[in-house]
Amino acid sequence: MRARHHFHIDYRGHSVSATVQTGHHPVVEILVDGKETGYATSRDDRPVLIHLELPADPPIPVTVRATPGPGVPRCLLLGPEEQEGHVMAPRVY
C-alpha cells in the first residue's frame, strides 16, 4: 500500500521540502523554494541520497537523505562539510 509523507526545513534562507511515497518502489521528490530540483526511486526501504544545490552565489551543495522505511519515513538535510544532518520536520497536508 502506498502512502505519501511530507517533510520540510528552512535552511540558509531557502525552503527545502521532500515528499516520500512509500510502497514497493519508494519515490522521493525534493522541492527547493517551490521548484522541483531532485527526484529518486528505490526498490526497497534503503536510504536514498539526493544531491542538489541551493540557489545562491556560489551555489550551496546539499544532500537530502530520505529513509522510506521500515516504519515511518524520515528525512535529513546534510549541508556542506557538516558531520550531522538537520532533521526535516514532518508536515501534514
N, C-alpha and C. Protein backbone atom coordinates (compact mmCIF):
# COMPACT_ATOMS: atom_id res chain seq x y z
N MET A 1 0.83 -1.17 0.00
CA MET A 1 0.00 0.00 0.00
C MET A 1 0.89 1.25 0.00
N ARG A 2 0.56 2.20 -0.84
CA ARG A 2 1.33 3.42 -0.97
C ARG A 2 0.79 4.52 -0.05
N ALA A 3 1.70 5.28 0.51
CA ALA A 3 1.34 6.43 1.34
C ALA A 3 2.33 7.56 1.04
N ARG A 4 1.87 8.79 1.16
CA ARG A 4 2.73 9.96 0.92
C ARG A 4 3.03 10.65 2.25
N HIS A 5 4.30 10.96 2.46
CA HIS A 5 4.76 11.64 3.67
C HIS A 5 5.52 12.88 3.24
N HIS A 6 5.27 14.01 3.91
CA HIS A 6 5.87 15.29 3.55
C HIS A 6 6.77 15.78 4.67
N PHE A 7 7.90 16.39 4.28
CA PHE A 7 8.88 16.91 5.23
C PHE A 7 9.33 18.30 4.77
N HIS A 8 9.78 19.13 5.72
CA HIS A 8 10.20 20.48 5.37
C HIS A 8 11.26 21.00 6.33
N ILE A 9 12.13 21.88 5.78
CA ILE A 9 13.10 22.59 6.61
C ILE A 9 13.44 23.90 5.90
N ASP A 10 13.70 24.94 6.68
CA ASP A 10 14.25 26.19 6.15
C ASP A 10 15.74 26.16 6.45
N TYR A 11 16.55 26.30 5.41
CA TYR A 11 18.00 26.15 5.57
C TYR A 11 18.70 27.25 4.78
N ARG A 12 19.47 28.07 5.47
CA ARG A 12 20.24 29.16 4.86
C ARG A 12 19.38 30.04 3.95
N GLY A 13 18.18 30.36 4.42
CA GLY A 13 17.30 31.24 3.68
C GLY A 13 16.53 30.59 2.55
N HIS A 14 16.56 29.27 2.47
CA HIS A 14 15.85 28.55 1.41
C HIS A 14 14.89 27.53 2.01
N SER A 15 13.78 27.31 1.33
CA SER A 15 12.77 26.34 1.73
C SER A 15 13.07 25.02 1.02
N VAL A 16 13.26 23.95 1.80
CA VAL A 16 13.53 22.63 1.23
C VAL A 16 12.43 21.69 1.70
N SER A 17 11.70 21.11 0.75
CA SER A 17 10.60 20.18 1.07
C SER A 17 10.86 18.84 0.40
N ALA A 18 10.44 17.78 1.05
CA ALA A 18 10.58 16.44 0.49
C ALA A 18 9.25 15.71 0.61
N THR A 19 8.90 14.96 -0.43
CA THR A 19 7.75 14.08 -0.40
C THR A 19 8.28 12.67 -0.60
N VAL A 20 7.95 11.78 0.33
CA VAL A 20 8.36 10.38 0.25
C VAL A 20 7.11 9.55 0.05
N GLN A 21 7.04 8.86 -1.07
CA GLN A 21 5.92 7.97 -1.35
C GLN A 21 6.41 6.55 -1.11
N THR A 22 5.81 5.88 -0.13
CA THR A 22 6.24 4.54 0.24
C THR A 22 5.52 3.50 -0.61
N GLY A 23 5.94 2.27 -0.50
CA GLY A 23 5.34 1.17 -1.26
C GLY A 23 6.45 0.26 -1.77
N HIS A 24 6.13 -0.56 -2.78
CA HIS A 24 7.12 -1.50 -3.34
C HIS A 24 8.27 -0.77 -4.01
N HIS A 25 8.00 0.38 -4.60
CA HIS A 25 9.03 1.20 -5.25
C HIS A 25 8.94 2.61 -4.70
N PRO A 26 9.61 2.90 -3.56
CA PRO A 26 9.55 4.23 -2.97
C PRO A 26 10.03 5.31 -3.95
N VAL A 27 9.38 6.47 -3.88
CA VAL A 27 9.72 7.63 -4.71
C VAL A 27 9.96 8.82 -3.78
N VAL A 28 11.02 9.57 -4.05
CA VAL A 28 11.34 10.76 -3.26
C VAL A 28 11.44 11.95 -4.21
N GLU A 29 10.70 13.02 -3.91
CA GLU A 29 10.73 14.25 -4.69
C GLU A 29 11.19 15.38 -3.77
N ILE A 30 12.08 16.23 -4.27
CA ILE A 30 12.61 17.35 -3.49
C ILE A 30 12.25 18.66 -4.19
N LEU A 31 11.74 19.61 -3.40
CA LEU A 31 11.47 20.96 -3.88
C LEU A 31 12.36 21.93 -3.13
N VAL A 32 12.98 22.86 -3.86
CA VAL A 32 13.74 23.94 -3.25
C VAL A 32 13.08 25.24 -3.67
N ASP A 33 12.64 26.01 -2.70
CA ASP A 33 11.93 27.26 -2.95
C ASP A 33 10.75 27.05 -3.91
N GLY A 34 10.06 25.92 -3.76
CA GLY A 34 8.86 25.63 -4.54
C GLY A 34 9.10 25.04 -5.91
N LYS A 35 10.36 24.79 -6.29
CA LYS A 35 10.67 24.23 -7.60
C LYS A 35 11.26 22.84 -7.45
N GLU A 36 10.79 21.89 -8.26
CA GLU A 36 11.32 20.53 -8.18
C GLU A 36 12.78 20.52 -8.64
N THR A 37 13.66 20.05 -7.75
CA THR A 37 15.08 20.03 -8.07
C THR A 37 15.72 18.66 -7.89
N GLY A 38 14.98 17.71 -7.33
CA GLY A 38 15.53 16.38 -7.13
C GLY A 38 14.46 15.31 -7.14
N TYR A 39 14.85 14.12 -7.61
CA TYR A 39 13.91 13.01 -7.72
C TYR A 39 14.72 11.72 -7.66
N ALA A 40 14.23 10.73 -6.92
CA ALA A 40 14.91 9.45 -6.84
C ALA A 40 13.90 8.35 -6.56
N THR A 41 14.22 7.14 -7.01
CA THR A 41 13.39 5.97 -6.72
C THR A 41 14.27 4.89 -6.11
N SER A 42 13.62 3.91 -5.51
CA SER A 42 14.32 2.80 -4.88
C SER A 42 13.48 1.55 -5.03
N ARG A 43 14.06 0.42 -4.80
CA ARG A 43 13.31 -0.84 -4.88
C ARG A 43 13.01 -1.42 -3.50
N ASP A 44 13.48 -0.76 -2.47
CA ASP A 44 13.25 -1.28 -1.12
C ASP A 44 13.29 -0.13 -0.12
N ASP A 45 13.45 -0.44 1.15
CA ASP A 45 13.42 0.58 2.20
C ASP A 45 14.78 1.16 2.54
N ARG A 46 15.79 0.94 1.70
CA ARG A 46 17.11 1.50 1.98
C ARG A 46 17.11 3.02 1.81
N PRO A 47 17.98 3.71 2.56
CA PRO A 47 18.05 5.17 2.42
C PRO A 47 18.42 5.59 1.00
N VAL A 48 17.87 6.72 0.58
CA VAL A 48 18.12 7.29 -0.74
C VAL A 48 18.80 8.63 -0.54
N LEU A 49 19.89 8.88 -1.27
CA LEU A 49 20.58 10.16 -1.20
C LEU A 49 20.28 10.95 -2.46
N ILE A 50 19.83 12.19 -2.28
CA ILE A 50 19.55 13.07 -3.41
C ILE A 50 20.46 14.29 -3.26
N HIS A 51 21.38 14.45 -4.22
CA HIS A 51 22.31 15.57 -4.20
C HIS A 51 21.71 16.72 -5.01
N LEU A 52 21.79 17.93 -4.44
CA LEU A 52 21.26 19.09 -5.13
C LEU A 52 22.00 20.33 -4.69
N GLU A 53 21.69 21.46 -5.32
CA GLU A 53 22.31 22.73 -4.96
C GLU A 53 21.24 23.75 -4.62
N LEU A 54 21.52 24.53 -3.58
CA LEU A 54 20.63 25.64 -3.23
C LEU A 54 21.05 26.84 -4.08
N PRO A 55 20.06 27.59 -4.61
CA PRO A 55 20.39 28.72 -5.47
C PRO A 55 20.99 29.87 -4.66
N ALA A 56 22.27 30.05 -4.77
CA ALA A 56 22.99 31.13 -4.10
C ALA A 56 24.18 31.46 -4.99
N ASP A 57 24.96 32.44 -4.60
CA ASP A 57 26.15 32.78 -5.37
C ASP A 57 27.35 32.69 -4.44
N PRO A 58 28.13 31.64 -4.46
CA PRO A 58 28.04 30.46 -5.31
C PRO A 58 26.97 29.49 -4.78
N PRO A 59 26.51 28.54 -5.63
CA PRO A 59 25.51 27.56 -5.19
C PRO A 59 26.01 26.75 -3.99
N ILE A 60 25.07 26.38 -3.13
CA ILE A 60 25.40 25.63 -1.91
C ILE A 60 25.01 24.16 -2.14
N PRO A 61 26.01 23.25 -2.19
CA PRO A 61 25.68 21.84 -2.38
C PRO A 61 25.14 21.24 -1.08
N VAL A 62 24.01 20.53 -1.18
CA VAL A 62 23.42 19.84 -0.03
C VAL A 62 22.95 18.46 -0.50
N THR A 63 22.69 17.61 0.47
CA THR A 63 22.18 16.27 0.19
C THR A 63 21.00 16.02 1.11
N VAL A 64 19.93 15.46 0.54
CA VAL A 64 18.79 15.02 1.35
C VAL A 64 18.89 13.51 1.45
N ARG A 65 18.88 13.01 2.68
CA ARG A 65 18.91 11.56 2.92
C ARG A 65 17.51 11.16 3.37
N ALA A 66 16.79 10.46 2.49
CA ALA A 66 15.43 10.01 2.78
C ALA A 66 15.45 8.52 3.08
N THR A 67 14.82 8.14 4.18
CA THR A 67 14.72 6.74 4.57
C THR A 67 13.24 6.36 4.53
N PRO A 68 12.79 5.64 3.47
CA PRO A 68 11.37 5.31 3.32
C PRO A 68 10.84 4.35 4.38
N GLY A 69 11.66 3.56 4.97
CA GLY A 69 11.20 2.59 5.96
C GLY A 69 12.38 1.83 6.52
N PRO A 70 12.17 0.81 7.28
CA PRO A 70 10.86 0.34 7.75
C PRO A 70 10.27 1.31 8.77
N GLY A 71 8.99 1.22 8.93
CA GLY A 71 8.29 2.12 9.84
C GLY A 71 7.99 3.45 9.18
N VAL A 72 8.00 4.50 9.98
CA VAL A 72 7.68 5.84 9.50
C VAL A 72 8.88 6.40 8.74
N PRO A 73 8.68 6.95 7.54
CA PRO A 73 9.78 7.56 6.79
C PRO A 73 10.36 8.75 7.54
N ARG A 74 11.61 9.07 7.22
CA ARG A 74 12.27 10.23 7.82
C ARG A 74 13.26 10.81 6.81
N CYS A 75 13.56 12.11 6.99
CA CYS A 75 14.47 12.81 6.08
C CYS A 75 15.45 13.67 6.87
N LEU A 76 16.69 13.73 6.37
CA LEU A 76 17.73 14.59 6.93
C LEU A 76 18.29 15.44 5.81
N LEU A 77 18.64 16.68 6.12
CA LEU A 77 19.33 17.56 5.18
C LEU A 77 20.78 17.63 5.63
N LEU A 78 21.69 17.28 4.75
CA LEU A 78 23.12 17.31 5.05
C LEU A 78 23.74 18.46 4.29
N GLY A 79 24.24 19.45 5.01
CA GLY A 79 24.86 20.61 4.38
C GLY A 79 26.31 20.33 4.06
N PRO A 80 26.95 21.28 3.37
CA PRO A 80 28.35 21.10 3.02
C PRO A 80 29.24 21.08 4.26
N GLU A 81 30.11 20.10 4.30
CA GLU A 81 31.09 19.96 5.37
C GLU A 81 30.47 19.85 6.76
N GLU A 82 29.25 19.33 6.86
CA GLU A 82 28.61 19.13 8.16
C GLU A 82 28.62 17.64 8.48
N GLN A 83 28.95 17.31 9.71
CA GLN A 83 29.01 15.92 10.12
C GLN A 83 27.64 15.35 10.45
N GLU A 84 26.78 16.19 11.03
CA GLU A 84 25.44 15.73 11.41
C GLU A 84 24.41 16.44 10.56
N GLY A 85 23.35 15.73 10.24
CA GLY A 85 22.30 16.31 9.42
C GLY A 85 21.28 17.08 10.23
N HIS A 86 20.45 17.83 9.53
CA HIS A 86 19.35 18.57 10.13
C HIS A 86 18.07 17.79 9.86
N VAL A 87 17.34 17.48 10.91
CA VAL A 87 16.10 16.71 10.76
C VAL A 87 15.06 17.57 10.05
N MET A 88 14.47 17.03 9.00
CA MET A 88 13.40 17.71 8.30
C MET A 88 12.09 17.34 8.99
N ALA A 89 11.36 18.35 9.43
CA ALA A 89 10.14 18.13 10.20
C ALA A 89 9.02 17.58 9.32
N PRO A 90 8.26 16.59 9.83
CA PRO A 90 7.11 16.11 9.09
C PRO A 90 6.05 17.20 8.95
N ARG A 91 5.35 17.22 7.82
CA ARG A 91 4.27 18.18 7.57
C ARG A 91 3.01 17.42 7.22
N VAL A 92 1.90 17.95 7.68
CA VAL A 92 0.61 17.35 7.36
C VAL A 92 -0.05 18.22 6.30
N TYR A 93 -0.51 17.59 5.23
CA TYR A 93 -1.22 18.32 4.16
C TYR A 93 -2.66 17.93 4.16
